[in-house]
Amino acid sequence: MKKKIMFIFVLICIIVFFILYYIFLILGNNIFRNKNEFVEKIFKSLENYEAEIDVIVVSNKNQNIYSMSQTVNNETSKVVINSPENVKGLIIEQKNDELFIRNTRIDMEKRYSNYELSDENNLFIGSFVKDYQKNCSEIIESDYELIIKVEMKDSENTYLQSKELYIDKIKKIPTKLIIKDNAKKINTSIIYNDIKIK
């Protein structure tokens, strides 16, 4: 009788184990895969967009807020500074490996060919996508948003050690990008006030 009870107990344990294995490992991987696929679709849609953004830069002594317009398409990434007044009208534009800086107020233009940092302009979502694809990342999900955290393990820039992109799950658009330094302090925040996907 004891052997029969022991056999039934072991059988129940094995069945419970396989049920838990199925729920946590197989379904869990599908949930993770679905999150990654969801994020990849959003990133793909953000290859062409226009956005009104606020960029908040925090230094040791002060905080500066810049209002900007962004346009990104297959050929160019462009930002126009709308405020503060002392830099209003400044245009920064990337085309392939060239960087153009224009000041419409004083009719000045500078062009930099083979600009080595052109792929690392943190104002644009494309830079975050590249970092997401080549670094350790974590996706945290709540009811209404996804937070994609990227650790910049190989970055020698002490002011650029991690990034967090917040995405509205319902609208499928970014709402905020945070950049942190090596002390985990926020040094740059980009707030997406209005973003239109083309």
Foldseek 3Di string as FASTA:
>chain_A
DVVVVVVVVVVVVVVVVVVVCCVCPVVVVVVVVVVVVLLVVLVVLQQFKKFWKWKWFDDPPGIDIWTWIWTHHPFKTKIATCDDPVQHGWMWMDGPQKIWTARPVVGDIDIDGNNVCSLCDVVGVSNVVVQLVPFDWDWDDDPFKIKIKGAPVPDPFQQAGIKIWIAGSVVSGTAKMFGGGVVRDTRMMMGGPDMDGD
